[in-house]
Structure formats: C-alpha cells, structure tokens
C-alpha cells in the first residue's frame, strides 16, 4: 500500500491499475490475477501462479503489506487475520469458470453491492466498464462467445447461489 499511497500523492488522477503496472515493472510477477473481490470483511482471488510457490509468496506479501498499512493507519500493532488463508488448486475447467463468476459477483451474493458496479471486484473490468487492466480475463472470456454470454452465465450463477443460500437459511431456522 505504501507504493500506492506515494504514487497517488504525486499523481492526482492516479488509478489503482497504474500502481499495479508500476509494481510489475519493478519485479517479475508471482501470479496472474484472473478474478478478485474485496469485501469489507473478506476477500477472494482467482490466481494463476507464474513461478513456483507464486500464490504462497503473493499471499504472504499481500497479507504482510496490508497488516502494516492497517496497523500504521490505525496506530495499532499485532495480527489482523484469524488463521491461515485457504487456497485450493483447481484443475477442473468447469469449476474454474464457476469460481470466476462466484468471485466476480461475490459482493452481490453477500448483499454488499451490485457486482456490475462494485468497484472492488473484477466484474466491471470483465464487462468492459472500467479502464483497469489488472486481470488476465482472457483466460475466462476466451471460453465464451462474447462478454454478454459470460455476463449472463455469471448472473445465472448469482441467482442460483442466492437461492441456495436462502434455502439453507430457511432450513436451519
């Protein structure tokens, strides 16, 4: 976050993707970000490693940087996260496609904000509604006829996921 803060301080029209590009120019990327969603109390990433243990190194760097930023901003010390992050190696293409839409639309699934307009997820980038170029969306979009087909696929998945969650909620009440 320090790089972003410093860059933004001297470049008034800065976008987050500018900072990402600066960071990539300095180092060889550990991962490609395929999809992401940053919610107020949790986050999701779909990552493709570029180097051995790229995901592990990326998550360690991300976690350490965020904890330093948060602790400095709130004048505190100590850990923020409870336990280790969870990761899964995905080999099934159908599951990867579903997971991309689940992550892209996670804010809507949790009732935080409409995925198409939620600025802290990659769905607007997938739909061409932002200038960000943070994600390797071609990994997913190349498997659909067009962006509209992926959008419909994702919206159908949101509807199904919300319905499943509602059914489970009613069952356990």
C-alpha atoms as a PDB file:
ATOM      1  CA  UNK A   1       0.000   0.000   0.000  1.00  0.00           C
ATOM      2  CA  UNK A   2       2.906   2.376   0.544  1.00  0.00           C
ATOM      3  CA  UNK A   3       3.709   2.388  -3.164  1.00  0.00           C
ATOM      4  CA  UNK A   4       0.075   3.231  -3.981  1.00  0.00           C
ATOM      5  CA  UNK A   5      -0.102   5.969  -1.335  1.00  0.00           C
ATOM      6  CA  UNK A   6       3.135   7.522  -2.577  1.00  0.00           C
ATOM      7  CA  UNK A   7       2.136   7.298  -6.219  1.00  0.00           C
ATOM      8  CA  UNK A   8      -1.334   8.734  -5.591  1.00  0.00           C
ATOM      9  CA  UNK A   9       0.128  11.599  -3.564  1.00  0.00           C
ATOM     10  CA  UNK A  10       2.080  12.850  -6.593  1.00  0.00           C
ATOM     11  CA  UNK A  11      -0.347  11.839  -9.368  1.00  0.00           C
ATOM     12  CA  UNK A  12      -3.809  13.307  -8.748  1.00  0.00           C
ATOM     13  CA  UNK A  13      -5.580  11.299 -11.466  1.00  0.00           C
ATOM     14  CA  UNK A  14      -3.977   8.004 -10.475  1.00  0.00           C
ATOM     15  CA  UNK A  15      -5.839   4.724 -10.866  1.00  0.00           C
ATOM     16  CA  UNK A  16      -5.126   1.515  -8.980  1.00  0.00           C
ATOM     17  CA  UNK A  17      -4.098  -0.157 -12.236  1.00  0.00           C
ATOM     18  CA  UNK A  18      -1.327   2.455 -12.641  1.00  0.00           C
ATOM     19  CA  UNK A  19       0.190   1.331  -9.372  1.00  0.00           C
ATOM     20  CA  UNK A  20      -0.105  -2.323 -10.328  1.00  0.00           C
ATOM     21  CA  UNK A  21       1.746  -1.606 -13.563  1.00  0.00           C
ATOM     22  CA  UNK A  22       4.497   0.227 -11.657  1.00  0.00           C
ATOM     23  CA  UNK A  23       4.892  -2.712  -9.323  1.00  0.00           C
ATOM     24  CA  UNK A  24       5.010  -5.172 -12.237  1.00  0.00           C
ATOM     25  CA  UNK A  25       7.727  -3.182 -13.975  1.00  0.00           C
ATOM     26  CA  UNK A  26       9.986  -3.462 -10.942  1.00  0.00           C
ATOM     27  CA  UNK A  27       9.613  -7.207 -10.361  1.00  0.00           C
ATOM     28  CA  UNK A  28       8.668 -10.350 -12.162  1.00  0.00           C
ATOM     29  CA  UNK A  29       5.039 -11.066 -11.244  1.00  0.00           C
ATOM     30  CA  UNK A  30       4.417 -14.006  -8.916  1.00  0.00           C
ATOM     31  CA  UNK A  31       0.872 -14.608 -10.171  1.00  0.00           C
ATOM     32  CA  UNK A  32      -1.659 -13.530 -12.733  1.00  0.00           C
ATOM     33  CA  UNK A  33      -4.861 -12.256 -11.159  1.00  0.00           C
ATOM     34  CA  UNK A  34      -7.761 -13.851 -13.013  1.00  0.00           C
ATOM     35  CA  UNK A  35     -10.584 -12.537 -10.790  1.00  0.00           C
ATOM     36  CA  UNK A  36     -10.920 -10.816  -7.417  1.00  0.00           C
ATOM     37  CA  UNK A  37     -13.421  -9.371  -4.979  1.00  0.00           C
ATOM     38  CA  UNK A  38     -12.509  -7.304  -1.931  1.00  0.00           C
ATOM     39  CA  UNK A  39     -15.388  -7.260   0.546  1.00  0.00           C
ATOM     40  CA  UNK A  40     -15.396  -5.358   3.838  1.00  0.00           C
ATOM     41  CA  UNK A  41     -14.702  -8.480   5.919  1.00  0.00           C
ATOM     42  CA  UNK A  42     -13.135 -10.951   3.483  1.00  0.00           C
ATOM     43  CA  UNK A  43     -11.681 -11.232   0.005  1.00  0.00           C
ATOM     44  CA  UNK A  44     -11.430 -13.729  -2.845  1.00  0.00           C
ATOM     45  CA  UNK A  45      -8.808 -14.163  -5.561  1.00  0.00           C
ATOM     46  CA  UNK A  46      -8.590 -16.497  -8.521  1.00  0.00           C
ATOM     47  CA  UNK A  47      -4.866 -16.626  -9.219  1.00  0.00           C
ATOM     48  CA  UNK A  48      -2.673 -18.380 -11.756  1.00  0.00           C
ATOM     49  CA  UNK A  49       0.901 -18.840 -10.494  1.00  0.00           C
ATOM     50  CA  UNK A  50       3.748 -17.649 -12.705  1.00  0.00           C
ATOM     51  CA  UNK A  51       6.554 -19.050 -10.566  1.00  0.00           C
ATOM     52  CA  UNK A  52       6.951 -21.934  -8.138  1.00  0.00           C
ATOM     53  CA  UNK A  53       5.068 -21.110  -4.940  1.00  0.00           C
ATOM     54  CA  UNK A  54       3.828 -17.907  -6.575  1.00  0.00           C
ATOM     55  CA  UNK A  55       0.440 -17.995  -4.852  1.00  0.00           C
ATOM     56  CA  UNK A  56       2.011 -18.557  -1.435  1.00  0.00           C
ATOM     57  CA  UNK A  57       4.526 -15.739  -1.931  1.00  0.00           C
ATOM     58  CA  UNK A  58       1.854 -13.387  -3.300  1.00  0.00           C
ATOM     59  CA  UNK A  59      -0.495 -14.028  -0.380  1.00  0.00           C
ATOM     60  CA  UNK A  60       2.321 -13.572   2.135  1.00  0.00           C
ATOM     61  CA  UNK A  61       3.321 -10.271   0.525  1.00  0.00           C
ATOM     62  CA  UNK A  62      -0.289  -9.091   0.296  1.00  0.00           C
ATOM     63  CA  UNK A  63      -1.067 -10.048   3.900  1.00  0.00           C
ATOM     64  CA  UNK A  64       2.098  -8.527   5.318  1.00  0.00           C
ATOM     65  CA  UNK A  65       1.676  -5.290   3.352  1.00  0.00           C
ATOM     66  CA  UNK A  66      -1.961  -4.893   4.355  1.00  0.00           C
ATOM     67  CA  UNK A  67      -1.299  -5.573   8.041  1.00  0.00           C
ATOM     68  CA  UNK A  68       1.498  -2.973   8.046  1.00  0.00           C
ATOM     69  CA  UNK A  69      -0.743  -0.453   6.280  1.00  0.00           C
ATOM     70  CA  UNK A  70      -3.740  -1.097   8.558  1.00  0.00           C
ATOM     71  CA  UNK A  71      -1.703  -1.064  11.775  1.00  0.00           C
ATOM     72  CA  UNK A  72       0.053   2.146  10.764  1.00  0.00           C
ATOM     73  CA  UNK A  73      -3.214   3.839   9.754  1.00  0.00           C
ATOM     74  CA  UNK A  74      -4.981   2.856  12.994  1.00  0.00           C
ATOM     75  CA  UNK A  75      -1.936   3.241  15.258  1.00  0.00           C
ATOM     76  CA  UNK A  76      -2.010  -0.351  16.454  1.00  0.00           C
ATOM     77  CA  UNK A  77       0.197  -3.435  16.494  1.00  0.00           C
ATOM     78  CA  UNK A  78      -0.392  -7.152  16.118  1.00  0.00           C
ATOM     79  CA  UNK A  79      -2.069  -9.543  13.722  1.00  0.00           C
ATOM     80  CA  UNK A  80      -5.327  -8.799  11.909  1.00  0.00           C
ATOM     81  CA  UNK A  81      -6.233 -12.121  10.394  1.00  0.00           C
ATOM     82  CA  UNK A  82      -7.572 -15.161  12.146  1.00  0.00           C
ATOM     83  CA  UNK A  83      -5.801 -18.271  10.951  1.00  0.00           C
ATOM     84  CA  UNK A  84      -4.190 -19.049   7.619  1.00  0.00           C
ATOM     85  CA  UNK A  85      -5.756 -18.186   4.280  1.00  0.00           C
ATOM     86  CA  UNK A  86      -7.476 -21.008   2.416  1.00  0.00           C
ATOM     87  CA  UNK A  87      -6.399 -21.995  -1.060  1.00  0.00           C
ATOM     88  CA  UNK A  88      -7.415 -24.701  -3.496  1.00  0.00           C
ATOM     89  CA  UNK A  89      -5.718 -25.914  -6.645  1.00  0.00           C
ATOM     90  CA  UNK A  90      -8.341 -26.022  -9.367  1.00  0.00           C
ATOM     91  CA  UNK A  91      -7.886 -28.351 -12.324  1.00  0.00           C
ATOM     92  CA  UNK A  92     -11.492 -28.761 -13.489  1.00  0.00           C
ATOM     93  CA  UNK A  93     -12.272 -26.113 -16.122  1.00  0.00           C
ATOM     94  CA  UNK A  94     -15.994 -26.064 -15.310  1.00  0.00           C
ATOM     95  CA  UNK A  95     -15.225 -25.322 -11.668  1.00  0.00           C
ATOM     96  CA  UNK A  96     -12.778 -22.576 -12.687  1.00  0.00           C
ATOM     97  CA  UNK A  97     -15.455 -20.909 -14.821  1.00  0.00           C
ATOM     98  CA  UNK A  98     -17.997 -21.138 -11.989  1.00  0.00           C
ATOM     99  CA  UNK A  99     -15.440 -19.867  -9.471  1.00  0.00           C
ATOM    100  CA  UNK A 100     -14.612 -16.863 -11.670  1.00  0.00           C
ATOM    101  CA  UNK A 101     -18.264 -15.820 -11.694  1.00  0.00           C
ATOM    102  CA  UNK A 102     -18.648 -16.565  -7.957  1.00  0.00           C
ATOM    103  CA  UNK A 103     -15.665 -14.333  -7.178  1.00  0.00           C
ATOM    104  CA  UNK A 104     -16.607 -11.614  -9.667  1.00  0.00           C
ATOM    105  CA  UNK A 105     -20.102 -11.424  -8.192  1.00  0.00           C
ATOM    106  CA  UNK A 106     -19.314 -12.100  -4.532  1.00  0.00           C
ATOM    107  CA  UNK A 107     -20.330  -8.608  -3.413  1.00  0.00           C
ATOM    108  CA  UNK A 108     -23.811  -9.188  -4.815  1.00  0.00           C
ATOM    109  CA  UNK A 109     -24.070 -12.680  -3.328  1.00  0.00           C
ATOM    110  CA  UNK A 110     -23.389 -11.183   0.115  1.00  0.00           C
ATOM    111  CA  UNK A 111     -25.682  -8.179  -0.438  1.00  0.00           C
ATOM    112  CA  UNK A 112     -22.818  -5.660  -0.296  1.00  0.00           C
ATOM    113  CA  UNK A 113     -23.314  -4.117  -3.708  1.00  0.00           C
ATOM    114  CA  UNK A 114     -24.324  -4.852  -7.273  1.00  0.00           C
ATOM    115  CA  UNK A 115     -21.434  -6.726  -8.868  1.00  0.00           C
ATOM    116  CA  UNK A 116     -21.590  -4.752 -12.118  1.00  0.00           C
ATOM    117  CA  UNK A 117     -20.993  -1.506 -10.217  1.00  0.00           C
ATOM    118  CA  UNK A 118     -18.886  -2.715  -7.275  1.00  0.00           C
ATOM    119  CA  UNK A 119     -15.524  -1.029  -7.727  1.00  0.00           C
ATOM    120  CA  UNK A 120     -13.626  -3.511  -5.526  1.00  0.00           C
ATOM    121  CA  UNK A 121     -14.177  -6.531  -7.768  1.00  0.00           C
ATOM    122  CA  UNK A 122     -13.122  -7.527 -11.255  1.00  0.00           C
ATOM    123  CA  UNK A 123     -16.624  -7.929 -12.723  1.00  0.00           C
ATOM    124  CA  UNK A 124     -16.775  -4.344 -14.114  1.00  0.00           C
ATOM    125  CA  UNK A 125     -13.383  -4.980 -15.736  1.00  0.00           C
ATOM    126  CA  UNK A 126     -14.702  -8.197 -17.309  1.00  0.00           C
ATOM    127  CA  UNK A 127     -17.696  -6.283 -18.675  1.00  0.00           C
ATOM    128  CA  UNK A 128     -15.513  -3.521 -20.116  1.00  0.00           C
ATOM    129  CA  UNK A 129     -16.901  -0.898 -17.724  1.00  0.00           C
ATOM    130  CA  UNK A 130     -13.511   0.180 -16.342  1.00  0.00           C
ATOM    131  CA  UNK A 131     -10.141   1.047 -17.796  1.00  0.00           C
ATOM    132  CA  UNK A 132      -8.363  -1.257 -15.357  1.00  0.00           C
ATOM    133  CA  UNK A 133      -6.253  -3.962 -16.837  1.00  0.00           C
ATOM    134  CA  UNK A 134      -5.459  -5.821 -13.648  1.00  0.00           C
ATOM    135  CA  UNK A 135      -6.871  -9.232 -14.569  1.00  0.00           C
ATOM    136  CA  UNK A 136      -5.986 -11.891 -17.122  1.00  0.00           C
ATOM    137  CA  UNK A 137      -9.653 -12.111 -18.037  1.00  0.00           C
ATOM    138  CA  UNK A 138      -8.919 -13.706 -21.415  1.00  0.00           C
ATOM    139  CA  UNK A 139      -8.354 -16.993 -19.549  1.00  0.00           C
ATOM    140  CA  UNK A 140     -12.080 -16.992 -18.789  1.00  0.00           C
ATOM    141  CA  UNK A 141     -13.636 -14.852 -21.519  1.00  0.00           C
ATOM    142  CA  UNK A 142     -11.983 -16.821 -24.341  1.00  0.00           C
ATOM    143  CA  UNK A 143     -14.284 -19.708 -23.419  1.00  0.00           C
ATOM    144  CA  UNK A 144     -17.448 -17.706 -24.135  1.00  0.00           C
ATOM    145  CA  UNK A 145     -18.829 -16.366 -27.421  1.00  0.00           C
ATOM    146  CA  UNK A 146     -18.696 -12.824 -26.058  1.00  0.00           C
ATOM    147  CA  UNK A 147     -18.786 -10.754 -22.887  1.00  0.00           C
ATOM    148  CA  UNK A 148     -22.596 -10.807 -22.835  1.00  0.00           C
ATOM    149  CA  UNK A 149     -22.599 -14.599 -22.653  1.00  0.00           C
ATOM    150  CA  UNK A 150     -20.173 -14.532 -19.697  1.00  0.00           C
ATOM    151  CA  UNK A 151     -22.287 -11.838 -18.004  1.00  0.00           C
ATOM    152  CA  UNK A 152     -25.408 -13.991 -18.347  1.00  0.00           C
ATOM    153  CA  UNK A 153     -23.501 -17.048 -17.084  1.00  0.00           C
ATOM    154  CA  UNK A 154     -22.387 -15.053 -14.037  1.00  0.00           C
ATOM    155  CA  UNK A 155     -25.807 -13.552 -13.326  1.00  0.00           C
ATOM    156  CA  UNK A 156     -27.365 -17.022 -13.540  1.00  0.00           C
ATOM    157  CA  UNK A 157     -24.779 -18.264 -11.041  1.00  0.00           C
ATOM    158  CA  UNK A 158     -25.544 -15.360  -8.675  1.00  0.00           C
ATOM    159  CA  UNK A 159     -29.239 -16.168  -8.806  1.00  0.00           C
ATOM    160  CA  UNK A 160     -28.603 -19.866  -8.118  1.00  0.00           C
ATOM    161  CA  UNK A 161     -26.137 -19.149  -5.289  1.00  0.00           C
ATOM    162  CA  UNK A 162     -28.516 -16.703  -3.596  1.00  0.00           C
ATOM    163  CA  UNK A 163     -31.366 -19.189  -3.908  1.00  0.00           C
ATOM    164  CA  UNK A 164     -29.259 -21.981  -2.410  1.00  0.00           C
ATOM    165  CA  UNK A 165     -28.201 -19.752   0.490  1.00  0.00           C
ATOM    166  CA  UNK A 166     -31.808 -18.716   1.152  1.00  0.00           C
ATOM    167  CA  UNK A 167     -32.957 -22.349   1.135  1.00  0.00           C
ATOM    168  CA  UNK A 168     -30.183 -23.298   3.566  1.00  0.00           C
ATOM    169  CA  UNK A 169     -31.032 -20.357   5.815  1.00  0.00           C
ATOM    170  CA  UNK A 170     -34.711 -21.334   5.935  1.00  0.00           C
ATOM    171  CA  UNK A 171     -33.824 -24.977   6.581  1.00  0.00           C
ATOM    172  CA  UNK A 172     -31.704 -24.108   9.617  1.00  0.00           C
ATOM    173  CA  UNK A 173     -34.105 -21.548  11.117  1.00  0.00           C
END
